[in-house]
N, C-alpha and C. Protein backbone atom coordinates (compact mmCIF):
# COMPACT_ATOMS: atom_id res chain seq x y z
N UNK A 1 1.21 1.93 -24.96
CA UNK A 1 2.21 2.39 -25.18
C UNK A 1 3.90 1.41 -24.36
N UNK A 2 4.99 1.26 -24.60
CA UNK A 2 5.84 0.48 -23.38
C UNK A 2 7.51 2.17 -23.68
N UNK A 3 8.02 1.02 -22.07
CA UNK A 3 8.64 2.56 -22.03
C UNK A 3 9.77 2.29 -22.54
N UNK A 4 10.94 2.75 -22.04
CA UNK A 4 11.75 2.96 -23.55
C UNK A 4 12.48 2.39 -22.12
N UNK A 5 13.47 1.99 -22.59
CA UNK A 5 15.52 1.54 -22.24
C UNK A 5 16.28 2.65 -21.64
N UNK A 6 15.65 3.83 -21.88
CA UNK A 6 17.10 5.10 -22.40
C UNK A 6 16.62 5.29 -20.82
N UNK A 7 14.59 5.45 -20.43
CA UNK A 7 14.73 5.83 -19.38
C UNK A 7 14.52 5.39 -17.82
N UNK A 8 13.73 4.20 -18.46
CA UNK A 8 14.84 3.39 -17.12
C UNK A 8 15.92 4.41 -16.86
N UNK A 9 17.10 3.22 -17.46
CA UNK A 9 18.37 4.04 -17.59
C UNK A 9 18.53 5.18 -16.49
N UNK A 10 18.28 6.49 -16.56
CA UNK A 10 17.65 7.51 -16.07
C UNK A 10 17.59 7.10 -15.15
N UNK A 11 16.32 6.87 -14.17
CA UNK A 11 15.55 6.50 -13.16
C UNK A 11 16.39 5.44 -11.81
N UNK A 12 17.01 4.30 -12.75
CA UNK A 12 18.13 3.32 -12.40
C UNK A 12 19.42 5.29 -11.70
N UNK A 13 19.65 5.56 -13.11
CA UNK A 13 20.66 6.13 -12.23
C UNK A 13 20.35 7.07 -11.42
N UNK A 14 19.12 7.86 -11.16
CA UNK A 14 18.87 8.61 -9.71
C UNK A 14 18.85 8.17 -8.08
N UNK A 15 18.49 6.35 -8.99
CA UNK A 15 18.73 5.66 -7.49
C UNK A 15 19.78 4.89 -6.96
N UNK A 16 20.46 5.52 -8.44
CA UNK A 16 21.56 5.05 -7.88
C UNK A 16 22.29 4.78 -6.03
N UNK A 17 21.93 6.69 -5.42
CA UNK A 17 22.62 6.81 -4.14
C UNK A 17 21.49 4.69 -3.27
N UNK A 18 21.01 4.57 -3.21
CA UNK A 18 19.83 3.50 -2.52
C UNK A 18 20.52 2.19 -3.53
N UNK A 19 20.75 2.16 -1.68
CA UNK A 19 20.94 0.71 -2.23
C UNK A 19 20.45 -0.44 -2.40
N UNK A 20 20.48 -1.60 -3.59
CA UNK A 20 19.53 -2.99 -3.18
C UNK A 20 18.70 -1.73 -3.88
N UNK A 21 18.94 -1.89 -5.53
CA UNK A 21 17.64 -1.69 -6.26
C UNK A 21 17.69 -2.19 -7.44
N UNK A 22 16.49 -2.92 -8.12
CA UNK A 22 16.54 -4.06 -9.06
C UNK A 22 15.80 -3.64 -9.07
N UNK A 23 15.33 -4.89 -10.62
CA UNK A 23 14.41 -4.36 -12.03
C UNK A 23 14.31 -5.55 -12.14
N UNK A 24 13.22 -5.46 -13.65
CA UNK A 24 12.83 -6.67 -14.27
C UNK A 24 11.62 -6.26 -14.82
N UNK A 25 11.95 -6.00 -15.92
CA UNK A 25 10.95 -6.09 -17.56
C UNK A 25 10.33 -6.92 -17.62
N UNK A 26 8.65 -6.32 -17.78
CA UNK A 26 7.13 -6.92 -17.42
C UNK A 26 6.58 -6.02 -18.45
N UNK A 27 6.61 -7.73 -20.16
CA UNK A 27 5.81 -6.47 -20.69
C UNK A 27 5.89 -5.60 -20.94
N UNK A 28 6.76 -4.90 -21.44
CA UNK A 28 6.78 -3.53 -22.07
C UNK A 28 7.29 -2.65 -21.72
N UNK A 29 7.15 -3.15 -20.20
CA UNK A 29 7.17 -1.82 -18.95
C UNK A 29 8.65 -1.95 -18.16
N UNK A 30 9.17 -2.04 -17.24
CA UNK A 30 10.12 -2.30 -15.36
C UNK A 30 8.98 -1.78 -14.07
N UNK A 31 9.20 -2.70 -13.17
CA UNK A 31 8.72 -3.34 -11.68
C UNK A 31 10.64 -2.58 -11.67
N UNK A 32 10.46 -1.74 -10.38
CA UNK A 32 11.48 -1.16 -9.26
C UNK A 32 11.72 -2.18 -7.91
N UNK A 33 12.25 -2.25 -7.71
CA UNK A 33 12.62 -3.28 -6.31
C UNK A 33 13.39 -2.91 -5.29
N UNK A 34 13.39 -2.63 -4.05
CA UNK A 34 13.75 -1.58 -3.66
C UNK A 34 13.73 -3.21 -2.07
N UNK A 35 15.02 -3.33 -1.77
CA UNK A 35 15.41 -4.81 -0.45
C UNK A 35 13.93 -5.58 -1.19
N UNK A 36 14.69 -6.38 -2.78
CA UNK A 36 13.85 -7.40 -3.16
C UNK A 36 12.42 -6.53 -2.99
N UNK A 37 11.93 -5.66 -2.35
CA UNK A 37 10.04 -5.45 -2.60
C UNK A 37 9.88 -4.57 -3.08
N UNK A 38 8.81 -4.82 -3.99
CA UNK A 38 8.08 -4.19 -5.53
C UNK A 38 8.43 -2.89 -4.45
N UNK A 39 8.19 -1.33 -5.24
CA UNK A 39 8.11 -0.27 -4.78
C UNK A 39 6.99 1.43 -6.20
N UNK A 40 7.46 -0.26 -7.10
CA UNK A 40 6.73 0.89 -7.87
C UNK A 40 6.94 0.49 -9.60
N UNK A 41 7.40 0.96 -10.33
CA UNK A 41 8.18 0.61 -11.73
C UNK A 41 7.92 1.78 -12.70
N UNK A 42 7.76 1.25 -13.74
CA UNK A 42 8.11 2.34 -14.95
C UNK A 42 7.52 2.15 -15.58
N UNK A 43 6.26 3.14 -16.40
CA UNK A 43 4.90 3.28 -16.89
C UNK A 43 4.52 4.12 -18.31
N UNK A 44 5.26 3.77 -18.88
CA UNK A 44 4.68 5.00 -21.03
C UNK A 44 5.40 5.37 -19.99
N UNK A 45 6.68 5.42 -19.65
CA UNK A 45 8.32 5.49 -18.76
C UNK A 45 7.79 7.40 -18.47
N UNK A 46 7.26 6.77 -17.14
CA UNK A 46 6.05 7.34 -15.96
C UNK A 46 6.91 6.86 -14.67
N UNK A 47 7.59 7.13 -14.55
CA UNK A 47 8.67 6.66 -12.61
C UNK A 47 6.46 6.37 -11.74
N UNK A 48 6.02 5.34 -11.37
CA UNK A 48 4.83 5.43 -10.63
C UNK A 48 5.35 5.09 -8.73
N UNK A 49 5.16 5.37 -8.15
CA UNK A 49 4.76 4.28 -6.72
C UNK A 49 3.89 3.44 -5.69
N UNK A 50 4.11 2.88 -5.51
CA UNK A 50 2.84 2.65 -4.55
C UNK A 50 2.73 4.12 -3.25
N UNK A 51 0.69 3.51 -3.23
CA UNK A 51 0.21 5.11 -2.25
C UNK A 51 0.84 4.71 -1.10
N UNK A 52 2.31 3.81 -0.50
CA UNK A 52 2.43 4.46 0.79
C UNK A 52 2.59 5.52 1.87
N UNK A 53 1.66 5.29 2.94
CA UNK A 53 1.52 6.31 4.49
C UNK A 53 2.76 7.03 4.15
N UNK A 54 4.34 6.79 3.51
CA UNK A 54 5.92 6.98 3.56
C UNK A 54 5.70 8.15 2.94
N UNK A 55 5.12 7.57 1.33
CA UNK A 55 4.88 8.26 0.26
C UNK A 55 4.02 9.54 0.11
N UNK A 56 3.37 9.03 0.02
CA UNK A 56 2.04 10.76 0.31
C UNK A 56 2.11 11.07 1.03
N UNK A 57 2.83 11.18 2.54
CA UNK A 57 3.61 12.54 3.35
C UNK A 57 4.40 12.42 2.42
N UNK A 58 5.81 12.49 1.88
CA UNK A 58 6.79 12.49 1.43
C UNK A 58 5.76 13.18 -0.46
N UNK A 59 5.28 13.17 -1.07
CA UNK A 59 4.50 14.16 -2.33
C UNK A 59 2.81 14.09 -1.99
N UNK A 60 2.57 15.22 -0.99
CA UNK A 60 0.93 15.22 -0.79
C UNK A 60 0.25 15.35 -1.66
N UNK A 61 1.44 15.94 -2.59
CA UNK A 61 0.01 17.09 -4.39
C UNK A 61 0.18 15.44 -5.46
N UNK A 62 0.98 14.40 -4.99
CA UNK A 62 1.42 14.27 -6.26
C UNK A 62 -0.01 13.20 -6.77
N UNK A 63 -0.02 12.74 -8.50
CA UNK A 63 -1.13 12.63 -8.77
C UNK A 63 -1.10 11.09 -8.68
N UNK A 64 -2.49 10.94 -8.37
CA UNK A 64 -2.82 9.24 -9.01
C UNK A 64 -3.60 9.22 -10.28
N UNK A 65 -1.89 7.49 -10.24
CA UNK A 65 -1.96 7.67 -12.04
C UNK A 65 -2.05 5.97 -12.62
N UNK A 66 -2.19 5.24 -13.23
CA UNK A 66 -2.92 3.94 -12.95
C UNK A 66 -1.60 3.88 -14.49
N UNK A 67 -1.13 3.07 -13.94
CA UNK A 67 0.01 2.56 -14.43
C UNK A 67 -0.41 1.47 -15.73
N UNK A 68 -1.73 0.82 -16.05
CA UNK A 68 -2.35 -0.13 -17.28
C UNK A 68 -3.23 -0.10 -16.31
N UNK A 69 -4.83 -0.14 -18.12
CA UNK A 69 -5.78 -0.55 -17.35
C UNK A 69 -6.34 -1.70 -16.23
N UNK A 70 -6.60 -1.83 -15.74
CA UNK A 70 -7.33 -2.76 -14.77
C UNK A 70 -5.90 -2.83 -13.14
N UNK A 71 -5.18 -1.26 -13.80
CA UNK A 71 -4.48 -2.19 -12.33
C UNK A 71 -4.86 -0.76 -11.31
N UNK A 72 -3.92 -1.69 -9.76
CA UNK A 72 -4.68 0.52 -8.84
C UNK A 72 -3.93 1.04 -8.56
N UNK A 73 -4.55 2.32 -8.38
CA UNK A 73 -4.03 4.17 -8.31
C UNK A 73 -2.01 4.16 -7.78
N UNK A 74 -1.54 4.58 -8.63
CA UNK A 74 -0.20 3.96 -8.27
C UNK A 74 0.13 6.25 -8.53
N UNK A 75 1.54 6.93 -6.93
CA UNK A 75 1.69 7.77 -7.13
C UNK A 75 3.00 8.24 -8.25
N UNK A 76 2.32 9.51 -9.14
CA UNK A 76 3.69 9.34 -9.60
C UNK A 76 4.37 10.40 -9.41
N UNK A 77 5.81 10.30 -9.45
CA UNK A 77 6.72 10.55 -9.04
C UNK A 77 7.55 11.70 -10.29
N UNK A 78 7.52 13.08 -9.87
CA UNK A 78 7.00 14.07 -10.83
C UNK A 78 8.87 15.15 -10.15
N UNK A 79 9.43 14.92 -9.20
CA UNK A 79 10.44 15.59 -8.24
C UNK A 79 11.27 14.61 -8.61
N UNK A 80 11.30 13.75 -10.21
CA UNK A 80 13.13 12.87 -10.30
C UNK A 80 14.18 13.38 -10.48
N UNK A 81 14.63 14.62 -10.95
CA UNK A 81 15.85 15.53 -10.90
C UNK A 81 16.40 15.17 -9.50
N UNK A 82 16.22 14.94 -7.81
CA UNK A 82 15.81 14.72 -6.87
C UNK A 82 16.34 14.14 -6.60
N UNK A 83 17.70 13.30 -6.46
CA UNK A 83 17.98 12.48 -6.55
C UNK A 83 18.50 12.16 -4.96
N UNK A 84 17.99 12.70 -3.83
CA UNK A 84 18.39 12.91 -2.38
C UNK A 84 16.80 12.94 -2.11
N UNK A 85 15.61 13.64 -2.63
CA UNK A 85 14.63 13.25 -2.25
C UNK A 85 14.67 11.57 -2.93
N UNK A 86 14.64 11.11 -4.04
CA UNK A 86 14.42 9.78 -4.63
C UNK A 86 15.32 9.01 -3.54
N UNK A 87 16.40 8.96 -2.57
CA UNK A 87 16.92 7.83 -1.91
C UNK A 87 15.71 7.89 -0.29
N UNK A 88 15.61 9.03 -0.29
CA UNK A 88 14.23 9.53 1.45
C UNK A 88 13.14 8.62 0.73
N UNK A 89 12.96 8.92 -0.36
CA UNK A 89 11.41 8.08 -0.42
C UNK A 89 11.16 6.19 -0.20
N UNK A 90 11.58 5.85 -1.44
CA UNK A 90 12.75 4.61 -1.70
C UNK A 90 12.58 3.80 -0.17
N UNK A 91 13.58 4.75 0.44
CA UNK A 91 13.73 4.15 1.75
C UNK A 91 13.59 4.31 2.84
N UNK A 92 12.39 4.86 2.83
CA UNK A 92 11.63 5.39 3.37
C UNK A 92 10.38 3.41 3.21
N UNK A 93 9.74 3.92 2.51
CA UNK A 93 9.17 3.31 1.53
C UNK A 93 9.54 1.57 1.62
N UNK A 94 10.57 1.32 1.17
CA UNK A 94 11.21 -0.39 1.63
C UNK A 94 11.43 -0.37 2.88
N UNK A 95 11.26 0.18 4.03
CA UNK A 95 11.19 0.04 5.64
C UNK A 95 9.24 -0.31 5.29
N UNK A 96 8.57 0.70 5.28
CA UNK A 96 7.69 -0.37 5.60
C UNK A 96 6.03 -0.83 4.74
N UNK A 97 6.98 -0.83 3.10
CA UNK A 97 6.75 -2.62 3.31
C UNK A 97 7.11 -3.56 3.46
N UNK A 98 5.10 -4.53 3.27
CA UNK A 98 6.23 -6.16 3.56
C UNK A 98 7.19 -6.68 3.28
N UNK A 99 7.54 -7.76 3.90
CA UNK A 99 9.02 -8.32 3.34
C UNK A 99 8.29 -9.71 1.57
N UNK A 100 8.82 -9.82 0.74
CA UNK A 100 8.01 -10.45 0.00
C UNK A 100 8.55 -11.37 0.65
N UNK A 101 7.19 -12.89 -0.02
CA UNK A 101 7.11 -14.00 -0.10
C UNK A 101 7.97 -15.37 0.06
N UNK A 102 8.00 -15.88 0.35
CA UNK A 102 8.42 -16.35 0.65
C UNK A 102 8.77 -17.46 -0.66
N UNK A 103 9.26 -18.23 -2.18
CA UNK A 103 8.53 -18.72 -3.08
C UNK A 103 8.56 -20.70 -2.69
N UNK A 104 7.71 -21.64 -2.76
CA UNK A 104 8.25 -22.92 -2.96
C UNK A 104 8.51 -23.42 -3.43
């Protein structure tokens, strides 16, 4: 099941207090970037993030879910209505994720 554009728009609005948020559509789903780093995505109308140390610390009870068959597990963000929490989550994740590799 592909994600709806309406859910993407909702998540982007919730992330509007975070600088340098972008996304890319990919096979009916959406990859979410912060500062050019992949932090997670929208999969089947669920906001999933990489299980970084800060994400696990901020969401200790978060469920691990598969974004799609054959993928690595990611954390389900349930507190999607809390903009302040999302800002802290995404900014802390972006700090610890490595910079994207330069394309040749």
